[in-house]
Protein backbone atom coordinates (compact mmCIF):
# COMPACT_ATOMS: atom_id res chain seq x y z
CA MET A 1 148.80 103.78 82.03
CA ARG A 2 146.89 107.38 82.54
CA LYS A 3 145.00 107.11 85.53
CA THR A 4 143.17 109.53 87.71
CA ASP A 5 143.72 110.19 91.77
CA PHE A 6 140.89 112.84 92.19
CA TRP A 7 137.82 110.83 92.66
CA SER A 8 136.17 110.55 96.03
CA ASP A 9 132.52 109.59 95.80
CA TYR A 10 133.87 106.34 92.89
CA GLU A 11 136.09 104.07 93.76
CA LEU A 12 136.96 100.55 92.25
CA ILE A 13 137.49 98.34 95.54
CA ASP A 14 138.39 95.09 94.02
CA SER A 15 138.59 92.90 90.86
CA SER A 16 138.33 89.10 90.54
CA ALA A 17 136.76 86.26 88.08
CA GLY A 18 135.32 88.63 85.33
CA GLU A 19 133.66 91.66 87.52
CA ARG A 20 134.31 94.57 89.39
CA LEU A 21 133.79 95.53 93.27
CA GLU A 22 133.12 99.51 92.72
CA ARG A 23 131.51 101.84 95.32
CA TRP A 24 129.57 104.81 93.85
CA GLY A 25 128.53 107.49 96.42
CA ASP A 26 127.26 105.14 98.96
CA ILE A 27 126.16 102.49 96.84
CA ILE A 28 128.15 99.45 96.16
CA LEU A 29 127.76 97.51 92.91
CA ILE A 30 129.34 94.53 90.83
CA ARG A 31 129.66 94.80 87.47
CA PRO A 32 131.04 92.49 84.57
CA ASP A 33 134.62 93.39 83.32
CA PRO A 34 136.38 91.17 80.65
CA GLN A 35 139.35 92.31 81.52
CA VAL A 36 139.17 90.86 84.70
CA ILE A 37 140.89 87.54 83.96
CA TRP A 38 142.22 86.66 87.23
CA ASN A 39 140.69 84.92 89.79
CA THR A 40 142.04 86.26 93.09
CA GLU A 41 140.51 85.72 96.43
CA ARG A 42 137.54 88.08 97.07
CA LYS A 43 138.49 88.96 100.76
CA ASN A 44 136.71 92.18 100.90
CA PRO A 45 133.58 91.66 103.05
CA LEU A 46 131.52 94.10 100.07
CA TRP A 47 131.58 91.20 97.82
CA ARG A 48 128.83 89.52 100.15
CA HIS A 49 127.54 92.95 100.97
CA ALA A 50 126.83 94.79 97.97
CA HIS A 51 123.53 96.52 97.00
CA ALA A 52 123.60 94.78 93.48
CA ARG A 53 125.02 92.70 91.00
CA TYR A 54 124.94 92.98 86.84
CA LEU A 55 123.95 89.25 85.98
CA ARG A 56 125.02 88.30 81.87
CA SER A 57 122.25 85.99 80.34
CA ASN A 58 123.93 83.28 78.20
CA THR A 59 121.58 84.45 75.70
CA GLY A 60 122.92 87.74 75.43
CA GLY A 61 122.19 91.16 77.80
CA GLY A 62 121.36 90.57 81.30
CA LYS A 63 119.47 92.12 84.45
CA TRP A 64 120.23 93.91 87.96
CA GLN A 65 119.94 91.29 90.58
CA VAL A 66 119.54 93.79 93.47
CA TYR A 67 120.20 92.82 97.35
CA LYS A 68 119.38 96.03 98.88
CA LYS A 69 116.92 98.83 98.18
CA ILE A 70 119.00 101.27 95.90
CA PRO A 71 117.33 104.65 94.55
CA ASP A 72 116.43 105.01 90.99
CA SER A 73 118.79 107.61 90.85
CA TRP A 74 121.64 109.38 92.60
CA GLN A 75 124.34 111.85 92.46
CA ILE A 76 128.33 111.66 92.52
CA ARG A 77 130.81 114.55 92.34
CA TYR A 78 133.96 114.10 90.44
CA ARG A 79 135.76 117.63 91.95
CA GLU A 80 133.64 120.54 91.01
CA LEU A 81 130.89 118.27 88.48
CA VAL A 82 128.06 116.82 89.78
CA PHE A 83 126.57 113.52 87.93
CA ASN A 84 123.52 111.56 88.18
CA VAL A 85 124.03 107.71 88.58
CA LYS A 86 121.35 105.63 87.13
CA PRO A 87 121.67 101.70 86.78
CA MET A 88 120.96 100.96 83.56
CA GLY A 89 120.73 97.84 80.73
CA PHE A 90 124.11 96.24 79.88
CA LYS A 91 125.58 96.99 82.99
CA HIS A 92 126.28 100.61 82.23
CA THR A 93 125.49 103.48 84.78
CA GLY A 94 125.47 106.49 82.70
CA ILE A 95 129.38 107.62 83.80
CA PHE A 96 132.50 105.64 82.47
CA PRO A 97 134.90 107.14 85.73
CA GLU A 98 138.11 106.13 83.86
CA GLN A 99 137.40 109.08 81.66
CA ALA A 100 138.10 111.48 84.42
CA VAL A 101 141.89 111.63 82.80
CA ASN A 102 140.78 113.03 79.57
CA TRP A 103 138.34 115.47 81.38
CA ASP A 104 141.47 117.14 83.18
CA TYR A 105 143.55 116.84 80.05
CA THR A 106 141.12 119.11 77.83
CA ALA A 107 139.58 121.25 80.87
CA ASP A 108 143.60 122.20 81.50
CA ILE A 109 143.65 122.88 77.47
CA ILE A 110 140.65 125.39 77.96
CA ARG A 111 142.00 126.86 80.81
CA ARG A 112 145.06 128.12 79.90
CA SER A 113 144.15 128.89 76.47
CA ASP A 114 144.06 132.85 75.39
CA ARG A 115 140.57 132.74 73.69
CA GLN A 116 137.13 130.66 73.98
CA LEU A 117 137.52 127.17 72.47
CA ASN A 118 134.53 125.85 70.58
CA ILE A 119 134.66 122.34 71.15
CA LEU A 120 132.57 119.49 69.19
CA ASN A 121 131.94 116.33 71.71
CA LEU A 122 130.66 113.42 69.53
CA PHE A 123 128.97 110.35 70.62
CA GLY A 124 128.73 112.63 73.92
CA TYR A 125 126.55 109.71 75.71
CA THR A 126 125.44 111.57 79.52
CA GLY A 127 127.73 114.62 78.76
CA CYS A 128 130.52 114.22 81.47
CA ALA A 129 133.16 115.65 79.19
CA THR A 130 130.90 118.27 77.60
CA ILE A 131 130.28 119.52 81.11
CA SER A 132 133.82 119.39 81.94
CA CYS A 133 134.56 121.86 79.24
CA LEU A 134 132.08 123.60 79.98
CA LYS A 135 133.04 124.04 83.45
CA ALA A 136 136.67 125.36 82.29
CA GLY A 137 135.25 128.29 80.05
CA ALA A 138 134.51 126.70 76.35
CA LYS A 139 131.81 126.65 74.12
CA VAL A 140 130.52 123.13 73.40
CA CYS A 141 128.47 120.70 70.74
CA HIS A 142 127.06 117.79 72.49
CA VAL A 143 126.27 115.47 69.83
CA ASP A 144 124.61 111.66 70.25
CA ALA A 145 121.91 109.73 68.73
CA SER A 146 119.87 108.98 71.26
CA LYS A 147 117.66 111.69 72.81
CA GLY A 148 117.80 109.55 75.98
CA MET A 149 121.29 109.86 76.47
CA VAL A 150 121.09 114.18 75.49
CA ASN A 151 118.48 114.45 78.08
CA TRP A 152 120.83 113.10 80.76
CA ALA A 153 123.42 115.14 79.32
CA LYS A 154 121.22 118.24 79.79
CA GLU A 155 120.18 116.63 83.80
CA ASN A 156 123.96 116.45 84.18
CA ALA A 157 124.37 119.96 82.80
CA ALA A 158 121.73 121.02 85.29
CA SER A 159 123.56 119.37 88.54
CA SER A 160 126.20 120.62 87.45
CA GLN A 161 125.30 124.59 87.14
CA VAL A 162 126.41 125.04 83.76
CA ALA A 163 122.80 124.45 82.26
CA ASP A 164 123.01 128.17 81.22
CA LYS A 165 126.61 128.10 79.60
CA PRO A 166 127.33 128.04 75.65
CA VAL A 167 126.26 124.43 74.32
CA ARG A 168 124.22 123.22 71.94
CA TRP A 169 122.14 120.00 72.42
CA ILE A 170 121.99 117.72 68.88
CA VAL A 171 120.05 114.55 68.54
CA ASP A 172 121.59 112.94 65.88
CA ASP A 173 124.09 110.46 63.74
CA CYS A 174 127.46 111.88 64.41
CA ALA A 175 128.73 111.26 61.20
CA LYS A 176 125.77 113.02 59.18
CA PHE A 177 125.98 115.98 61.58
CA VAL A 178 129.66 116.08 60.94
CA ALA A 179 128.87 116.46 56.95
CA ARG A 180 126.94 119.02 57.65
CA GLU A 181 129.19 121.30 59.73
CA ILE A 182 131.66 120.92 56.85
CA ARG A 183 128.58 122.28 54.52
CA ARG A 184 127.93 125.00 56.65
CA GLY A 185 131.46 125.93 56.60
CA HIS A 186 131.97 126.00 60.50
CA PHE A 187 134.75 124.74 62.44
CA TYR A 188 136.02 123.96 65.97
CA ASP A 189 139.20 124.52 68.27
CA GLY A 190 138.79 120.64 69.78
CA ILE A 191 137.17 117.43 69.22
CA ILE A 192 136.36 114.75 71.56
CA MET A 193 135.11 111.46 69.82
CA ASP A 194 134.04 108.23 71.91
CA PRO A 195 133.04 106.17 69.16
CA PRO A 196 131.01 102.71 70.59
CA SER A 197 132.90 99.68 69.31
CA TYR A 198 130.20 98.14 67.65
CA GLY A 199 126.23 99.63 67.04
CA ARG A 200 123.50 100.58 64.71
CA GLY A 201 122.95 103.83 62.98
CA PRO A 202 118.91 105.34 62.63
CA ASN A 203 118.68 103.18 59.20
CA GLY A 204 119.87 100.21 60.70
CA GLU A 205 123.74 100.71 59.34
CA ILE A 206 126.00 98.49 61.29
CA TRP A 207 129.06 100.40 63.09
CA LYS A 208 132.13 98.51 63.30
CA LEU A 209 134.92 100.52 65.31
CA GLU A 210 137.89 99.02 63.22
CA GLU A 211 135.88 99.31 59.88
CA ARG A 212 134.77 102.66 59.87
CA ILE A 213 136.89 104.76 62.22
CA TYR A 214 139.64 105.99 59.65
CA GLU A 215 136.95 107.22 57.38
CA PHE A 216 135.33 108.76 60.40
CA VAL A 217 138.45 110.79 61.78
CA GLU A 218 138.77 112.01 58.16
CA LEU A 219 135.44 113.49 58.10
CA CYS A 220 136.24 114.80 61.58
CA SER A 221 139.64 116.63 60.21
CA GLY A 222 137.05 119.07 57.99
CA VAL A 223 135.74 120.37 60.75
CA LEU A 224 139.00 121.08 62.42
CA ALA A 225 140.03 124.70 62.94
CA GLU A 226 143.26 125.88 61.28
CA ASN A 227 144.54 127.02 64.82
CA ALA A 228 142.84 124.22 66.50
CA ALA A 229 144.22 123.25 69.80
CA PHE A 230 143.78 118.90 70.20
CA VAL A 231 141.74 115.98 68.75
CA ILE A 232 141.47 113.15 71.74
CA LEU A 233 139.83 109.30 70.14
CA ASN A 234 138.56 107.05 72.81
CA SER A 235 138.04 103.45 72.43
CA TYR A 236 136.89 100.42 74.32
CA THR A 237 137.70 98.03 71.51
CA THR A 238 140.65 95.52 72.99
CA GLY A 239 141.50 94.97 69.10
CA LEU A 240 142.12 98.55 68.69
CA SER A 241 145.90 99.57 70.40
CA PRO A 242 146.90 102.77 71.70
CA SER A 243 149.74 102.67 68.78
CA VAL A 244 146.97 102.09 65.83
CA MET A 245 145.15 104.99 66.81
CA GLU A 246 148.63 106.83 67.14
CA TYR A 247 149.22 106.12 64.09
CA LEU A 248 145.90 106.84 62.84
CA LEU A 249 145.69 110.35 64.29
CA GLY A 250 149.21 111.28 63.10
CA THR A 251 148.33 110.04 59.05
CA VAL A 252 145.02 111.97 59.70
CA ILE A 253 145.31 114.81 61.91
CA GLN A 254 148.85 115.74 62.58
CA SER A 255 149.74 115.10 59.06
CA ARG A 256 147.43 118.34 57.98
CA PHE A 257 147.97 120.28 60.44
CA GLY A 258 151.38 119.82 62.32
CA GLY A 259 151.43 118.93 66.29
CA THR A 260 152.25 116.17 68.20
CA VAL A 261 150.59 112.54 68.61
CA SER A 262 150.39 110.49 71.59
CA SER A 263 148.29 107.85 73.22
CA ASP A 264 148.26 105.14 76.17
CA GLU A 265 146.08 103.33 77.86
CA ILE A 266 143.59 104.80 80.75
CA GLY A 267 142.75 103.41 83.38
CA LEU A 268 141.54 103.00 87.42
CA SER A 269 143.52 102.41 90.57
CA VAL A 270 142.04 99.04 92.71
CA THR A 271 142.11 99.82 96.57
CA ASP A 272 142.37 96.23 97.78
CA THR A 273 145.50 95.66 95.25
CA GLY A 274 147.42 98.85 94.19
CA LEU A 275 147.04 97.53 90.63
CA VAL A 276 145.96 99.77 87.79
CA LEU A 277 142.63 97.97 85.24
CA PRO A 278 143.08 98.97 82.19
CA CYS A 279 139.51 100.46 81.21
CA GLY A 280 140.54 101.34 77.74
CA SER A 281 143.29 103.35 75.20
CA THR A 282 143.31 107.04 74.31
CA ALA A 283 144.79 108.87 71.57
CA ILE A 284 145.81 112.65 71.52
CA TRP A 285 146.50 114.87 69.13
CA ARG A 286 147.72 118.05 70.19
CA ARG A 287 149.07 121.40 68.54
């Protein structure tokens, strides 16, 4: 399992009975996690002294139960990157801290390249991967269907002092945008894909990752430059194993461009137990 050891402002303190105990800067949050199926003793006193806990509803969704006053938003750092954290509906904060291992991976490729790489970040969310690529010296096209998420990504870019770097912020359906880029003859040296497990398109189309991901990766191969450096595919869908994702990139990308394909789970170290909590999977194609 791949993980990062470079967080200082984020910490997964403990996990038990379907919940995580986390530190985001100085703020302690308890959030649900269906992967946490063990019911171990909650010895850490912070379980009883958290600032807020996200409670799921039996009818869907949920809400934050606030025990201590917390700001509407606050900043946390990862290395030279600065992100704005905001407690949102459906338990999210705007950051998936386990993805830091992929931010470092792509940043290393970009810094080692003998040319400026042009990166396409699809389903870019609040822009953490985009900002890491910009900081490393790449050009980036950031695409997300939510205007609110793209605006949040712009805030993060400003906080990380990369707002003046070569970046395009696109509010659009990712598949439709890629299809237009193919028609325009635009190509990219690297593609980051972080598609949702389930969602709806702008016209109510239902997106289920397992059903749509093959055709989507095939589509994206049409904007990959002949001398491209990498493709990264992330998944939080438990039914889509790393090996299946690796086979997918091998079938679609490696068969055309050569190179190598690998995959693994990514995770977060748990301070109180020393274990690593699985938080999703990543498949990577490299030239």
